[in-house]
N, C-alpha and C. Protein backbone atom coordinates (compact mmCIF):
# COMPACT_ATOMS: atom_id res chain seq x y z
N MET A 1 -17.80 7.95 24.57
CA MET A 1 -18.37 8.50 23.36
C MET A 1 -19.76 9.05 23.70
N GLU A 2 -19.75 10.26 24.22
CA GLU A 2 -21.00 10.86 24.67
C GLU A 2 -21.44 12.05 23.84
N THR A 3 -20.50 12.79 23.27
CA THR A 3 -20.87 14.00 22.54
C THR A 3 -20.56 13.84 21.07
N ILE A 4 -21.08 14.77 20.29
CA ILE A 4 -20.80 14.77 18.85
C ILE A 4 -19.32 15.02 18.59
N PHE A 5 -18.68 15.74 19.50
CA PHE A 5 -17.25 16.02 19.32
C PHE A 5 -16.42 14.75 19.48
N ASP A 6 -16.86 13.84 20.33
CA ASP A 6 -16.19 12.54 20.45
C ASP A 6 -16.24 11.80 19.12
N TRP A 7 -17.41 11.75 18.53
CA TRP A 7 -17.59 11.01 17.29
C TRP A 7 -16.84 11.64 16.13
N VAL A 8 -16.91 12.96 16.03
CA VAL A 8 -16.24 13.66 14.91
C VAL A 8 -14.73 13.53 15.03
N SER A 9 -14.20 13.73 16.23
CA SER A 9 -12.74 13.65 16.39
C SER A 9 -12.23 12.23 16.15
N VAL A 10 -12.98 11.23 16.58
CA VAL A 10 -12.57 9.85 16.33
C VAL A 10 -12.66 9.53 14.83
N ALA A 11 -13.65 10.05 14.15
CA ALA A 11 -13.77 9.81 12.71
C ALA A 11 -12.61 10.45 11.95
N ILE A 12 -12.25 11.67 12.32
CA ILE A 12 -11.11 12.33 11.67
C ILE A 12 -9.83 11.56 11.97
N PHE A 13 -9.67 11.16 13.22
CA PHE A 13 -8.47 10.42 13.60
C PHE A 13 -8.39 9.08 12.86
N ALA A 14 -9.51 8.40 12.69
CA ALA A 14 -9.52 7.14 11.94
C ALA A 14 -9.12 7.37 10.49
N GLY A 15 -9.58 8.47 9.90
CA GLY A 15 -9.16 8.81 8.55
C GLY A 15 -7.67 9.09 8.46
N LEU A 16 -7.13 9.75 9.49
CA LEU A 16 -5.69 10.00 9.54
C LEU A 16 -4.91 8.69 9.60
N ILE A 17 -5.41 7.74 10.38
CA ILE A 17 -4.74 6.45 10.51
C ILE A 17 -4.71 5.73 9.17
N VAL A 18 -5.84 5.71 8.49
CA VAL A 18 -5.91 5.04 7.19
C VAL A 18 -4.97 5.71 6.19
N LEU A 19 -4.97 7.04 6.17
CA LEU A 19 -4.08 7.76 5.26
C LEU A 19 -2.62 7.48 5.58
N PHE A 20 -2.28 7.47 6.86
CA PHE A 20 -0.91 7.19 7.26
C PHE A 20 -0.49 5.78 6.87
N LEU A 21 -1.35 4.81 7.09
CA LEU A 21 -1.02 3.43 6.75
C LEU A 21 -0.87 3.24 5.24
N GLN A 22 -1.71 3.90 4.46
CA GLN A 22 -1.59 3.82 3.01
C GLN A 22 -0.27 4.41 2.53
N ARG A 23 0.07 5.55 3.07
CA ARG A 23 1.26 6.25 2.60
C ARG A 23 2.54 5.72 3.20
N SER A 24 2.47 5.02 4.30
CA SER A 24 3.69 4.48 4.90
C SER A 24 4.24 3.31 4.09
N SER A 25 3.44 2.75 3.22
CA SER A 25 3.90 1.63 2.40
C SER A 25 4.55 2.10 1.09
N GLU A 26 4.53 3.41 0.84
CA GLU A 26 5.13 3.93 -0.39
C GLU A 26 6.65 3.91 -0.29
N ALA A 27 7.31 3.71 -1.41
CA ALA A 27 8.77 3.68 -1.43
C ALA A 27 9.35 5.06 -1.14
N GLU A 28 8.74 6.10 -1.69
CA GLU A 28 9.19 7.48 -1.48
C GLU A 28 8.13 8.22 -0.67
N PRO A 29 8.35 8.42 0.62
CA PRO A 29 7.32 9.08 1.43
C PRO A 29 7.13 10.54 1.02
N ARG A 30 5.87 10.96 1.00
CA ARG A 30 5.59 12.35 0.63
C ARG A 30 5.14 13.16 1.82
N ASP A 31 4.96 12.53 2.97
CA ASP A 31 4.52 13.21 4.18
C ASP A 31 5.58 13.05 5.27
N HIS A 32 5.47 13.90 6.26
CA HIS A 32 6.31 13.79 7.44
C HIS A 32 5.43 13.40 8.62
N LEU A 33 6.02 12.74 9.58
CA LEU A 33 5.26 12.27 10.74
C LEU A 33 4.70 13.43 11.54
N TRP A 34 5.40 14.56 11.59
CA TRP A 34 4.92 15.70 12.37
C TRP A 34 3.59 16.23 11.83
N GLN A 35 3.33 16.05 10.55
CA GLN A 35 2.07 16.51 9.98
C GLN A 35 0.89 15.72 10.54
N TYR A 36 1.09 14.43 10.71
CA TYR A 36 0.04 13.60 11.31
C TYR A 36 -0.09 13.91 12.80
N LEU A 37 1.02 14.19 13.46
CA LEU A 37 0.99 14.53 14.88
C LEU A 37 0.21 15.83 15.09
N ALA A 38 0.45 16.83 14.26
CA ALA A 38 -0.26 18.11 14.38
C ALA A 38 -1.77 17.91 14.22
N ALA A 39 -2.17 17.12 13.23
CA ALA A 39 -3.60 16.87 13.02
C ALA A 39 -4.20 16.07 14.17
N SER A 40 -3.46 15.12 14.70
CA SER A 40 -3.95 14.31 15.82
C SER A 40 -4.12 15.14 17.08
N VAL A 41 -3.15 16.02 17.35
CA VAL A 41 -3.26 16.90 18.52
C VAL A 41 -4.44 17.85 18.33
N GLY A 42 -4.65 18.32 17.12
CA GLY A 42 -5.81 19.16 16.84
C GLY A 42 -7.12 18.44 17.13
N CYS A 43 -7.20 17.16 16.79
CA CYS A 43 -8.40 16.37 17.10
C CYS A 43 -8.60 16.28 18.61
N ALA A 44 -7.52 16.04 19.33
CA ALA A 44 -7.62 15.92 20.79
C ALA A 44 -8.05 17.24 21.43
N VAL A 45 -7.48 18.34 20.95
CA VAL A 45 -7.83 19.66 21.50
C VAL A 45 -9.29 20.00 21.18
N GLY A 46 -9.71 19.75 19.95
CA GLY A 46 -11.10 20.00 19.58
C GLY A 46 -12.07 19.17 20.39
N ASN A 47 -11.73 17.92 20.63
CA ASN A 47 -12.59 17.06 21.44
C ASN A 47 -12.64 17.56 22.89
N TYR A 48 -11.49 17.94 23.42
CA TYR A 48 -11.45 18.46 24.80
C TYR A 48 -12.30 19.72 24.94
N LEU A 49 -12.13 20.64 23.99
CA LEU A 49 -12.91 21.88 24.06
C LEU A 49 -14.41 21.60 23.98
N GLY A 50 -14.79 20.69 23.11
CA GLY A 50 -16.20 20.34 22.99
C GLY A 50 -16.75 19.71 24.25
N ASN A 51 -15.98 18.86 24.88
CA ASN A 51 -16.44 18.21 26.10
C ASN A 51 -16.48 19.16 27.29
N GLU A 52 -15.70 20.23 27.22
CA GLU A 52 -15.70 21.23 28.30
C GLU A 52 -16.75 22.31 28.10
N GLY A 53 -17.50 22.24 27.02
CA GLY A 53 -18.58 23.19 26.80
C GLY A 53 -18.27 24.35 25.89
N TYR A 54 -17.12 24.35 25.27
CA TYR A 54 -16.75 25.41 24.33
C TYR A 54 -17.04 24.94 22.91
N GLU A 55 -18.32 24.85 22.58
CA GLU A 55 -18.73 24.25 21.32
C GLU A 55 -18.22 25.02 20.10
N VAL A 56 -18.25 26.34 20.16
CA VAL A 56 -17.81 27.14 19.01
C VAL A 56 -16.32 26.93 18.76
N TRP A 57 -15.52 27.00 19.82
CA TRP A 57 -14.08 26.81 19.67
C TRP A 57 -13.76 25.39 19.23
N ALA A 58 -14.50 24.43 19.73
CA ALA A 58 -14.29 23.04 19.31
C ALA A 58 -14.61 22.87 17.84
N GLY A 59 -15.71 23.45 17.40
CA GLY A 59 -16.08 23.37 15.99
C GLY A 59 -15.05 24.03 15.10
N LEU A 60 -14.55 25.18 15.53
CA LEU A 60 -13.51 25.87 14.76
C LEU A 60 -12.22 25.05 14.72
N THR A 61 -11.87 24.45 15.84
CA THR A 61 -10.64 23.64 15.90
C THR A 61 -10.74 22.43 14.99
N LEU A 62 -11.86 21.72 15.04
CA LEU A 62 -12.01 20.53 14.20
C LEU A 62 -12.11 20.91 12.72
N THR A 63 -12.72 22.06 12.43
CA THR A 63 -12.75 22.54 11.05
C THR A 63 -11.34 22.86 10.58
N PHE A 64 -10.55 23.51 11.44
CA PHE A 64 -9.17 23.81 11.10
C PHE A 64 -8.38 22.53 10.84
N VAL A 65 -8.64 21.49 11.63
CA VAL A 65 -7.94 20.21 11.42
C VAL A 65 -8.29 19.65 10.05
N LEU A 66 -9.55 19.69 9.67
CA LEU A 66 -9.95 19.19 8.35
C LEU A 66 -9.32 20.00 7.22
N VAL A 67 -9.26 21.31 7.38
CA VAL A 67 -8.63 22.15 6.38
C VAL A 67 -7.13 21.85 6.31
N PHE A 68 -6.50 21.67 7.46
CA PHE A 68 -5.08 21.32 7.51
C PHE A 68 -4.81 20.01 6.77
N VAL A 69 -5.64 19.01 7.03
CA VAL A 69 -5.47 17.72 6.37
C VAL A 69 -5.67 17.87 4.86
N TRP A 70 -6.67 18.63 4.46
CA TRP A 70 -6.96 18.79 3.03
C TRP A 70 -5.84 19.53 2.31
N ILE A 71 -5.27 20.56 2.95
CA ILE A 71 -4.25 21.37 2.29
C ILE A 71 -2.86 20.75 2.41
N VAL A 72 -2.50 20.29 3.61
CA VAL A 72 -1.13 19.83 3.85
C VAL A 72 -0.93 18.36 3.47
N LEU A 73 -1.81 17.50 3.90
CA LEU A 73 -1.65 16.06 3.64
C LEU A 73 -2.22 15.64 2.28
N ARG A 74 -3.12 16.42 1.72
CA ARG A 74 -3.69 16.18 0.40
C ARG A 74 -4.13 14.73 0.18
N PRO A 75 -5.17 14.28 0.87
CA PRO A 75 -5.61 12.89 0.70
C PRO A 75 -6.19 12.60 -0.67
N TYR A 76 -6.58 13.61 -1.40
CA TYR A 76 -7.20 13.43 -2.71
C TYR A 76 -6.19 13.10 -3.81
N GLU A 77 -4.88 13.19 -3.54
CA GLU A 77 -3.90 12.91 -4.58
C GLU A 77 -3.87 11.43 -4.97
N GLY A 78 -4.28 10.57 -4.09
CA GLY A 78 -4.29 9.15 -4.40
C GLY A 78 -5.41 8.76 -5.35
N TRP A 79 -6.36 9.67 -5.61
CA TRP A 79 -7.49 9.36 -6.46
C TRP A 79 -7.18 9.48 -7.94
N LYS A 80 -6.05 10.10 -8.28
CA LYS A 80 -5.72 10.31 -9.69
C LYS A 80 -5.39 8.99 -10.36
N LYS A 81 -5.91 8.83 -11.57
CA LYS A 81 -5.61 7.63 -12.34
C LYS A 81 -4.82 8.05 -13.56
N ASP A 82 -3.79 7.28 -13.83
CA ASP A 82 -2.94 7.59 -14.99
C ASP A 82 -3.48 6.99 -16.26
């Protein structure tokens, strides 16, 4: 854990883990495993690019991962109260 990209990618990945664990206990799953795999691979690629010195591409990749999670996995849906 030497660069900011290490910390950001681990934080995103930890959020993915929490979201996956919360949703895996639901009776009717609303997500597919490949969606979490795509976001996790994006974290790894963004971290790799950042560690290799491609800061702009790493930032774009990690931003894309966050947008993907927000649009596809929709973590905010659990906040609704009936």
